Structures are given as structure tokens and as C-alpha cells.
Amino acid sequence: MIGHLAYAVGSPCPTLVLDARHLPRDRDALLAALGDARRWMSDAGGDHVLKVALIEPSKHPLCDLDYRFIQALPGDHGKFDLLGSCGHSVLSAITSAAESGMVPRLVPGQRVRVNVLNNGDYLACEVDEVTKESTRFTMHFLQTPPRPVSAMLLDGSPVTTLEVDGTHVDVSLVSAGNPYVFVGAKGAGVETADELFADDSALFDRLGRIRVAAAEHLGMPTDSVFPKIAVTIPGEDGNLVVRAISVPSWHPTLAMTGTACLGVAAGIEGSIPWQAAQEAGCGDEVISVVTPGGVVEVFAAMSIQDDERHVAWITVGDKRVDFHGSFFIEPLAHFQFKETSECLSESAA
């Protein structure tokens, strides 16, 4: 079976993109096959590839691709998490789909609409620039119909107090793409960007414990990578400074789903990101988010309906994807050959 490898700049690792039509539909059989593929890739030097995207032409009449994200977990080639999505991997999947002919060759101005099977998200990904080396995108997280911001609060409140290490920690629990735990400067025990961006193992471990406490509070599995966690503090130039944890270490930037969550949360009065945005002097338009790996911009389009803010869409722009190539995955060969053989048999009959 042919696999494709693409890297969205700012992501922790490349994404392996596979055609879902050639893989088992049964969950256990699918994960067993992916486990075999991971072992084979590990032997070939690809143990760092922890993101898998399964794509096929969409059954949704308004979408181009059906997409399912699978997070491979480090340490055990047969262990995966299917609870969330990944915006960086969506863009890698679109790039690979164009290379394989599943969608037309990408050109500036083109929009590829993606139906995310993991969580029901509907994404419109606009092509901004195409070169021989890479493709740049703007991603729109569409909320159809517009969703009230209260529906994005996992606990029904802008701030939730958790008990961690014998103390109380205020967090905001928000979901707009993936569930996120936002922690402020006080909860993280930092004051400046330099402190937040330092190689601080104690901070990393503390955030891990806060994340587990949030998962327990929400009734989610503590061994899942979701909810994810990010620290949000006010910047000095009217921006927000953010650092997040990925799998299995610090995120080099911030996940696109995390950026989308942050864009929404900054508009929810009283939330941790809202407090940081107010202190930083962020406006109601585009918010600049400073991460260890660079700056990303997010805009959440909101309107007032029935005396409550509703989100129509969230835009994250200027994301670059590099296509790394296609290769034959030996452990998955029998799935594609089996399908080809069955098609020939049907034709002969």
C-alpha cells in the first residue's frame, strides 16, 4: 500500500497519510494493521512519525474529503488515541490527497472542504500559495449553524477550579476542535515569556498533572492525549504568549485546534485567555499568539444572538506544508492487492 508523508511546519512531527478505502473498517482490525505499519516504519527510521491521517473522497455532499485522525502513542507501536483531531494533519492530508489525485492539483484560491469524522468538525482550507517545495493555507473552522460560546465551555463555566498538588488551580476548559485546558500565569507559576519558554522539566510535569486533574474532572480517560493543555499569559506588545504540551514533549508552536480554541476562549468573558487578552490589550479582531516556534494569528468571527455571543467561524492563517514524498508500506500491501484482486474477479464474472 502507498503511504504519503507530509509535514505542516509547526507540528511536532510529520503525518502519515493513508487511503482509508484500502484499510479495514473494523476498528480493531484497523488498529492492528496500523500497529504493523508503525513497527515497519520504526525499523526504517520513522519512529518519530506519530500522526496518522486516513482520508477518502467525502460522502458528505458539501465536502471534498472525509478525514479521520489517529494519534500514535510513543513507546508502544500498537497503542493509538482516536478521540480528537489535528489541524496540522488535516493540511498534510490535503497536500497528500492532491499529490495522489484524490483531489485536484492545488492552486491559489482553491478551497478544499474537509469533514472530520473524529468530532464532526467542518473545515474549509484555502490555498494561499503553491511552490515546488510547499503549499501555504488558511484554515477556517466553520460552525454551522453558529454556536453559542457557552456550548464550547466543557464545564459550563469560564473558570473551573481544580485541586492539583494540594492547591487550587483555576483553568478554563474549552472545546473548539479539540478539548483544551487553559492555565494562566499564576496556575503555571510563571510570569514572563522567558520563564514559560525555558526548558523547565518541573513546569512540564506540573502541567501534566493539571491536565490529568482536568481529565478526571471531565470524566475523560487520563491515559488519553485529550484534553490538551496550554499556558496563556499576556504579552508585552498586545499579544498572547502561549506554550502547549504535545506528544510526548513540548509542542514546538501551538496546535491549530488549540489556536482555534484560544481564539474562542479569548472572547469568553472571565476565561483565563480572556483575562490574559484584557491585560495584554488585545483587540476584538485578529489576535497574535507568540509561541516558542513563532507567531500565529487567529480570528474568531462572533455575533450576538439572543443576548449571547455565537461563533460563526474561526480562522487560522499562514500555515505551510512540505510534502516529503510517497512510499510503499510493505505490511499493508495485502489490503490493496486484495481489493484489486476482488475488482478483477468481479469484472471477469
Protein backbone atom coordinates (compact mmCIF):
# COMPACT_ATOMS: atom_id res chain seq x y z
CA MET A 1 0.00 0.00 0.00
CA ILE A 2 1.21 3.51 -0.81
CA GLY A 3 1.66 5.92 2.09
CA HIS A 4 2.33 9.63 1.86
CA LEU A 5 4.37 11.75 4.23
CA ALA A 6 3.85 15.48 4.70
CA TYR A 7 4.92 17.95 7.35
CA ALA A 8 2.93 21.01 8.43
CA VAL A 9 5.51 23.46 9.75
CA GLY A 10 4.95 24.00 13.47
CA SER A 11 3.68 20.48 14.07
CA PRO A 12 5.59 18.13 16.40
CA CYS A 13 6.13 15.60 13.59
CA PRO A 14 5.15 14.67 10.01
CA THR A 15 1.86 12.96 9.25
CA LEU A 16 1.50 9.58 7.56
CA VAL A 17 -1.45 9.86 5.16
CA LEU A 18 -3.26 6.70 4.01
CA ASP A 19 -6.22 5.98 1.74
CA ALA A 20 -8.98 4.73 4.06
CA ARG A 21 -10.64 2.83 1.20
CA HIS A 22 -7.82 0.27 1.25
CA LEU A 23 -7.90 -0.34 5.01
CA PRO A 24 -10.22 -2.34 7.30
CA ARG A 25 -13.37 -0.58 8.53
CA ASP A 26 -13.43 -2.62 11.71
CA ARG A 27 -11.69 -0.65 14.48
CA ASP A 28 -9.66 -3.49 15.96
CA ALA A 29 -8.53 -4.76 12.56
CA LEU A 30 -7.61 -1.23 11.52
CA LEU A 31 -5.51 -0.55 14.62
CA ALA A 32 -3.79 -3.91 14.27
CA ALA A 33 -2.83 -3.03 10.69
CA LEU A 34 -1.59 0.41 11.73
CA GLY A 35 0.44 -1.19 14.50
CA ASP A 36 2.15 -3.41 11.95
CA ALA A 37 2.82 -0.37 9.77
CA ARG A 38 4.33 1.54 12.71
CA ARG A 39 6.69 -1.31 13.58
CA TRP A 40 7.82 -1.47 9.96
CA MET A 41 8.30 2.32 9.83
CA SER A 42 10.20 2.26 13.11
CA ASP A 43 12.65 -0.26 11.70
CA ALA A 44 13.09 2.03 8.69
CA GLY A 45 13.83 5.08 10.90
CA GLY A 46 10.31 6.52 11.08
CA ASP A 47 9.58 6.01 14.78
CA HIS A 48 9.12 9.78 15.19
CA VAL A 49 6.02 9.80 12.93
CA LEU A 50 3.20 9.79 15.50
CA LYS A 51 0.35 11.24 13.43
CA VAL A 52 -1.79 9.24 11.01
CA ALA A 53 -4.47 10.65 8.70
CA LEU A 54 -6.97 8.37 6.96
CA ILE A 55 -8.68 10.04 4.00
CA GLU A 56 -11.10 9.24 1.19
CA PRO A 57 -13.48 11.15 -1.11
CA SER A 58 -16.20 12.52 1.13
CA LYS A 59 -19.67 11.05 1.39
CA HIS A 60 -20.82 14.47 2.61
CA PRO A 61 -22.35 16.41 -0.31
CA LEU A 62 -20.64 19.67 0.72
CA CYS A 63 -17.17 18.26 1.42
CA ASP A 64 -14.26 17.04 -0.65
CA LEU A 65 -12.57 14.74 1.85
CA ASP A 66 -13.59 12.55 4.76
CA TYR A 67 -10.75 12.64 7.27
CA ARG A 68 -10.02 10.60 10.39
CA PHE A 69 -7.11 11.41 12.68
CA ILE A 70 -5.26 8.76 14.68
CA GLN A 71 -2.64 9.75 17.24
CA ALA A 72 0.05 7.12 17.67
CA LEU A 73 1.41 6.97 21.21
CA PRO A 74 5.14 6.73 21.88
CA GLY A 75 6.66 3.60 23.36
CA ASP A 76 4.08 1.08 22.14
CA HIS A 77 3.66 0.65 18.39
CA GLY A 78 0.20 -0.84 18.86
CA LYS A 79 -1.27 1.94 21.00
CA PHE A 80 -3.33 4.77 19.50
CA ASP A 81 -5.70 7.56 20.52
CA LEU A 82 -8.76 8.28 18.34
CA LEU A 83 -10.54 10.86 20.49
CA GLY A 84 -9.51 14.09 18.78
CA SER A 85 -8.41 15.79 15.59
CA CYS A 86 -5.31 17.65 14.36
CA GLY A 87 -5.39 20.72 12.15
CA HIS A 88 -1.78 20.36 11.06
CA SER A 89 -2.52 16.80 9.92
CA VAL A 90 -5.60 17.96 8.02
CA LEU A 91 -3.39 20.24 5.91
CA SER A 92 -0.85 17.43 5.44
CA ALA A 93 -3.73 15.20 4.32
CA ILE A 94 -4.96 17.74 1.77
CA THR A 95 -1.45 18.14 0.34
CA SER A 96 -1.09 14.36 0.06
CA ALA A 97 -4.56 13.99 -1.46
CA ALA A 98 -3.58 16.41 -4.21
CA GLU A 99 -0.32 14.54 -4.85
CA SER A 100 -2.19 11.22 -5.16
CA GLY A 101 -5.00 12.60 -7.33
CA MET A 102 -7.77 12.23 -4.74
CA VAL A 103 -8.46 15.97 -5.09
CA PRO A 104 -7.41 18.25 -7.98
CA ARG A 105 -3.91 19.69 -8.08
CA LEU A 106 -3.74 22.61 -5.63
CA VAL A 107 -3.77 26.17 -6.97
CA PRO A 108 -4.02 29.52 -5.17
CA GLY A 109 -7.60 30.45 -4.31
CA GLN A 110 -8.77 26.84 -4.25
CA ARG A 111 -10.76 25.66 -1.24
CA VAL A 112 -10.79 22.09 -0.01
CA ARG A 113 -13.60 21.23 2.39
CA VAL A 114 -12.94 18.54 4.97
CA ASN A 115 -15.38 16.51 7.03
CA VAL A 116 -13.62 15.45 10.26
CA LEU A 117 -15.05 12.10 11.28
CA ASN A 118 -13.50 12.14 14.77
CA ASN A 119 -15.58 15.02 16.07
CA GLY A 120 -17.90 16.29 13.33
CA ASP A 121 -15.83 19.40 12.53
CA TYR A 122 -16.32 21.00 9.13
CA LEU A 123 -13.21 22.75 7.79
CA ALA A 124 -12.67 24.94 4.75
CA CYS A 125 -8.97 25.08 3.85
CA GLU A 126 -7.98 27.83 1.43
CA VAL A 127 -4.84 27.55 -0.67
CA ASP A 128 -2.84 30.78 -0.48
CA GLU A 129 0.38 29.88 -2.29
CA VAL A 130 1.85 26.89 -4.11
CA THR A 131 5.54 26.37 -4.88
CA LYS A 132 7.59 23.33 -5.83
CA GLU A 133 8.62 22.91 -2.20
CA SER A 134 5.49 23.73 -0.22
CA THR A 135 1.90 24.92 0.00
CA ARG A 136 0.52 27.66 2.24
CA PHE A 137 -3.00 27.52 3.63
CA THR A 138 -5.55 29.44 5.64
CA MET A 139 -7.85 27.18 7.65
CA HIS A 140 -11.42 28.08 8.60
CA PHE A 141 -13.14 26.12 11.39
CA LEU A 142 -16.79 26.52 10.37
CA GLN A 143 -19.59 26.47 12.94
CA THR A 144 -22.78 25.69 11.04
CA PRO A 145 -25.09 26.97 12.40
CA PRO A 146 -23.22 29.47 14.60
CA ARG A 147 -22.61 28.02 18.07
CA PRO A 148 -23.11 29.87 21.36
CA VAL A 149 -19.85 30.25 23.26
CA SER A 150 -21.48 28.61 26.29
CA ALA A 151 -21.70 25.38 24.25
CA MET A 152 -17.91 25.42 23.94
CA LEU A 153 -17.33 25.51 27.69
CA LEU A 154 -16.83 21.90 28.73
CA ASP A 155 -17.77 22.63 32.34
CA GLY A 156 -20.40 25.26 31.63
CA SER A 157 -18.29 27.95 33.31
CA PRO A 158 -15.49 30.26 32.09
CA VAL A 159 -13.31 29.18 35.02
CA THR A 160 -13.08 25.83 36.78
CA THR A 161 -11.06 25.27 39.95
CA LEU A 162 -9.09 22.03 40.15
CA GLU A 163 -7.11 20.60 43.04
CA VAL A 164 -3.52 19.86 41.99
CA ASP A 165 -0.57 19.12 44.30
CA GLY A 166 -2.70 20.09 47.28
CA THR A 167 -3.52 23.56 45.92
CA HIS A 168 -6.32 25.08 43.89
CA VAL A 169 -5.62 25.89 40.24
CA ASP A 170 -8.00 27.92 38.06
CA VAL A 171 -8.36 26.71 34.47
CA SER A 172 -10.67 27.23 31.52
CA LEU A 173 -12.00 24.11 29.79
CA VAL A 174 -12.86 24.89 26.16
CA SER A 175 -13.55 22.80 23.07
CA ALA A 176 -13.48 24.13 19.53
CA GLY A 177 -11.94 21.30 17.51
CA ASN A 178 -10.32 19.54 20.48
CA PRO A 179 -10.87 19.86 24.23
CA TYR A 180 -8.29 22.19 25.82
CA VAL A 181 -7.24 23.15 29.34
CA PHE A 182 -6.03 26.76 29.52
CA VAL A 183 -3.88 27.73 32.50
CA GLY A 184 -2.84 31.24 33.47
CA ALA A 185 0.42 32.63 34.80
CA LYS A 186 -0.49 32.02 38.43
CA GLY A 187 -1.59 28.42 37.85
CA ALA A 188 1.58 27.65 35.90
CA GLY A 189 3.84 29.54 38.28
CA VAL A 190 5.44 31.76 35.59
CA GLU A 191 5.41 35.49 34.91
CA THR A 192 7.34 36.08 31.68
CA ALA A 193 7.74 34.54 28.24
CA ASP A 194 11.34 33.64 29.07
CA GLU A 195 10.18 31.64 32.08
CA LEU A 196 7.43 29.98 30.10
CA PHE A 197 9.70 29.06 27.18
CA ALA A 198 12.54 27.74 29.35
CA ASP A 199 13.44 24.05 29.30
CA ASP A 200 11.76 23.51 32.68
CA SER A 201 11.01 19.86 33.41
CA ALA A 202 9.24 20.78 36.66
CA LEU A 203 6.81 23.02 34.75
CA PHE A 204 6.25 20.31 32.16
CA ASP A 205 5.45 17.75 34.87
CA ARG A 206 3.15 20.17 36.70
CA LEU A 207 1.17 20.89 33.56
CA GLY A 208 0.85 17.15 33.02
CA ARG A 209 -0.68 16.78 36.48
CA ILE A 210 -3.07 19.69 35.84
CA ARG A 211 -4.11 18.04 32.57
CA VAL A 212 -4.80 14.72 34.33
CA ALA A 213 -6.85 16.51 37.01
CA ALA A 214 -8.90 18.18 34.27
CA ALA A 215 -9.45 14.83 32.53
CA GLU A 216 -10.66 13.29 35.78
CA HIS A 217 -12.95 16.27 36.36
CA LEU A 218 -14.45 15.86 32.89
CA GLY A 219 -14.74 12.07 33.17
CA MET A 220 -12.28 11.54 30.32
CA PRO A 221 -9.62 8.79 30.20
CA THR A 222 -6.46 10.02 31.92
CA ASP A 223 -4.26 7.98 29.56
CA SER A 224 -5.65 9.81 26.52
CA VAL A 225 -3.76 12.75 24.99
CA PHE A 226 -7.01 14.71 25.32
CA PRO A 227 -7.80 17.17 26.76
CA LYS A 228 -4.67 19.04 25.75
CA ILE A 229 -3.18 21.80 27.87
CA ALA A 230 -1.69 25.23 27.16
CA VAL A 231 -0.43 28.08 29.31
CA THR A 232 -1.68 31.52 28.27
CA ILE A 233 -0.12 34.74 29.60
CA PRO A 234 -0.29 38.37 28.41
CA GLY A 235 2.48 39.53 26.10
CA GLU A 236 4.17 42.91 26.06
CA ASP A 237 3.06 44.06 22.60
CA GLY A 238 -0.68 43.47 22.66
CA ASN A 239 -0.35 39.76 22.02
CA LEU A 240 -0.75 36.50 23.91
CA VAL A 241 2.16 34.26 24.87
CA VAL A 242 1.32 30.56 24.79
CA ARG A 243 3.08 27.27 25.39
CA ALA A 244 1.48 23.87 25.00
CA ILE A 245 2.25 20.21 25.58
CA SER A 246 2.07 17.71 22.73
CA VAL A 247 3.04 14.04 22.41
CA PRO A 248 5.42 13.26 24.05
CA SER A 249 7.03 16.65 24.82
CA TRP A 250 6.56 20.40 24.49
CA HIS A 251 4.70 21.46 21.36
CA PRO A 252 7.05 23.45 19.09
CA THR A 253 4.27 26.01 18.44
CA LEU A 254 0.56 25.51 19.17
CA ALA A 255 -1.81 23.03 17.58
CA MET A 256 -4.22 24.57 15.10
CA THR A 257 -7.14 23.20 17.10
CA GLY A 258 -5.56 24.77 20.18
CA THR A 259 -5.23 28.07 18.34
CA ALA A 260 -8.91 27.83 17.37
CA CYS A 261 -9.88 27.11 21.00
CA LEU A 262 -7.77 30.06 22.14
CA GLY A 263 -9.45 32.36 19.63
CA VAL A 264 -12.85 31.42 21.01
CA ALA A 265 -11.79 31.45 24.67
CA ALA A 266 -10.29 34.94 24.37
CA GLY A 267 -13.81 36.16 23.58
CA ILE A 268 -15.48 34.45 26.56
CA GLU A 269 -15.66 36.95 29.39
CA GLY A 270 -13.94 35.76 32.55
CA SER A 271 -12.00 32.89 30.98
CA ILE A 272 -8.25 32.51 31.52
CA PRO A 273 -7.41 33.52 27.91
CA TRP A 274 -9.90 36.44 28.16
CA GLN A 275 -8.17 37.68 31.32
CA ALA A 276 -4.76 37.47 29.61
CA ALA A 277 -6.12 39.21 26.48
CA GLN A 278 -7.59 42.03 28.57
CA GLU A 279 -4.31 42.56 30.42
CA ALA A 280 -2.35 42.48 27.15
CA GLY A 281 -4.71 44.94 25.47
CA CYS A 282 -5.72 42.59 22.66
CA GLY A 283 -8.50 43.89 20.46
CA ASP A 284 -11.60 42.10 19.22
CA GLU A 285 -10.08 41.44 15.80
CA VAL A 286 -7.09 39.24 14.90
CA ILE A 287 -5.09 38.02 17.91
CA SER A 288 -1.36 37.44 17.57
CA VAL A 289 -0.19 34.40 19.51
CA VAL A 290 3.51 34.15 20.36
CA THR A 291 4.84 30.60 20.73
CA PRO A 292 8.38 29.17 21.09
CA GLY A 293 8.37 28.41 17.35
CA GLY A 294 6.97 31.69 16.04
CA VAL A 295 3.83 33.79 15.80
CA VAL A 296 0.42 32.56 14.63
CA GLU A 297 -2.69 34.66 14.12
CA VAL A 298 -6.27 33.69 14.91
CA PHE A 299 -9.61 35.38 14.34
CA ALA A 300 -12.96 34.22 15.73
CA ALA A 301 -15.97 35.68 13.93
CA MET A 302 -18.68 36.27 16.51
CA SER A 303 -22.14 37.78 16.57
CA ILE A 304 -24.73 38.44 19.26
CA GLN A 305 -27.82 36.25 19.16
CA ASP A 306 -30.35 36.03 22.00
CA ASP A 307 -28.04 38.14 24.20
CA GLU A 308 -25.15 35.67 23.83
CA ARG A 309 -22.06 35.58 21.67
CA HIS A 310 -22.17 32.98 18.89
CA VAL A 311 -19.17 31.77 16.88
CA ALA A 312 -19.65 31.58 13.10
CA TRP A 313 -16.12 30.56 12.15
CA ILE A 314 -12.54 30.62 13.42
CA THR A 315 -9.68 31.39 11.06
CA VAL A 316 -6.03 30.38 11.48
CA GLY A 317 -3.77 31.61 8.71
CA ASP A 318 -0.35 31.30 7.08
CA LYS A 319 0.32 27.60 7.62
CA ARG A 320 2.93 25.94 5.40
CA VAL A 321 3.04 22.27 4.44
CA ASP A 322 6.01 20.47 2.91
CA PHE A 323 5.33 17.25 1.02
CA HIS A 324 8.02 14.69 1.86
CA GLY A 325 7.05 12.01 -0.66
CA SER A 326 5.27 8.70 -1.16
CA PHE A 327 6.49 5.19 -0.37
CA PHE A 328 5.36 1.57 -0.36
CA ILE A 329 4.34 0.22 3.08
CA GLU A 330 5.00 -3.48 2.94
CA PRO A 331 2.84 -4.64 5.93
CA LEU A 332 -0.24 -3.01 4.37
CA ALA A 333 0.29 -4.36 0.84
CA HIS A 334 -2.19 -7.21 1.14
CA PHE A 335 -5.11 -4.84 1.76
CA GLN A 336 -4.63 -3.01 -1.52
CA PHE A 337 -3.78 -6.15 -3.50
CA LYS A 338 -6.84 -7.91 -2.06
CA GLU A 339 -9.10 -5.09 -3.23
CA THR A 340 -7.52 -5.09 -6.70
CA SER A 341 -7.92 -8.84 -6.96
CA GLU A 342 -11.60 -8.66 -5.96
CA CYS A 343 -12.26 -5.97 -8.57
CA LEU A 344 -10.70 -8.12 -11.30
CA SER A 345 -12.77 -11.12 -10.22
CA GLU A 346 -15.98 -9.07 -10.37
CA SER A 347 -15.06 -7.80 -13.85
CA ALA A 348 -14.41 -11.33 -15.11
CA ALA A 349 -17.76 -12.51 -13.77
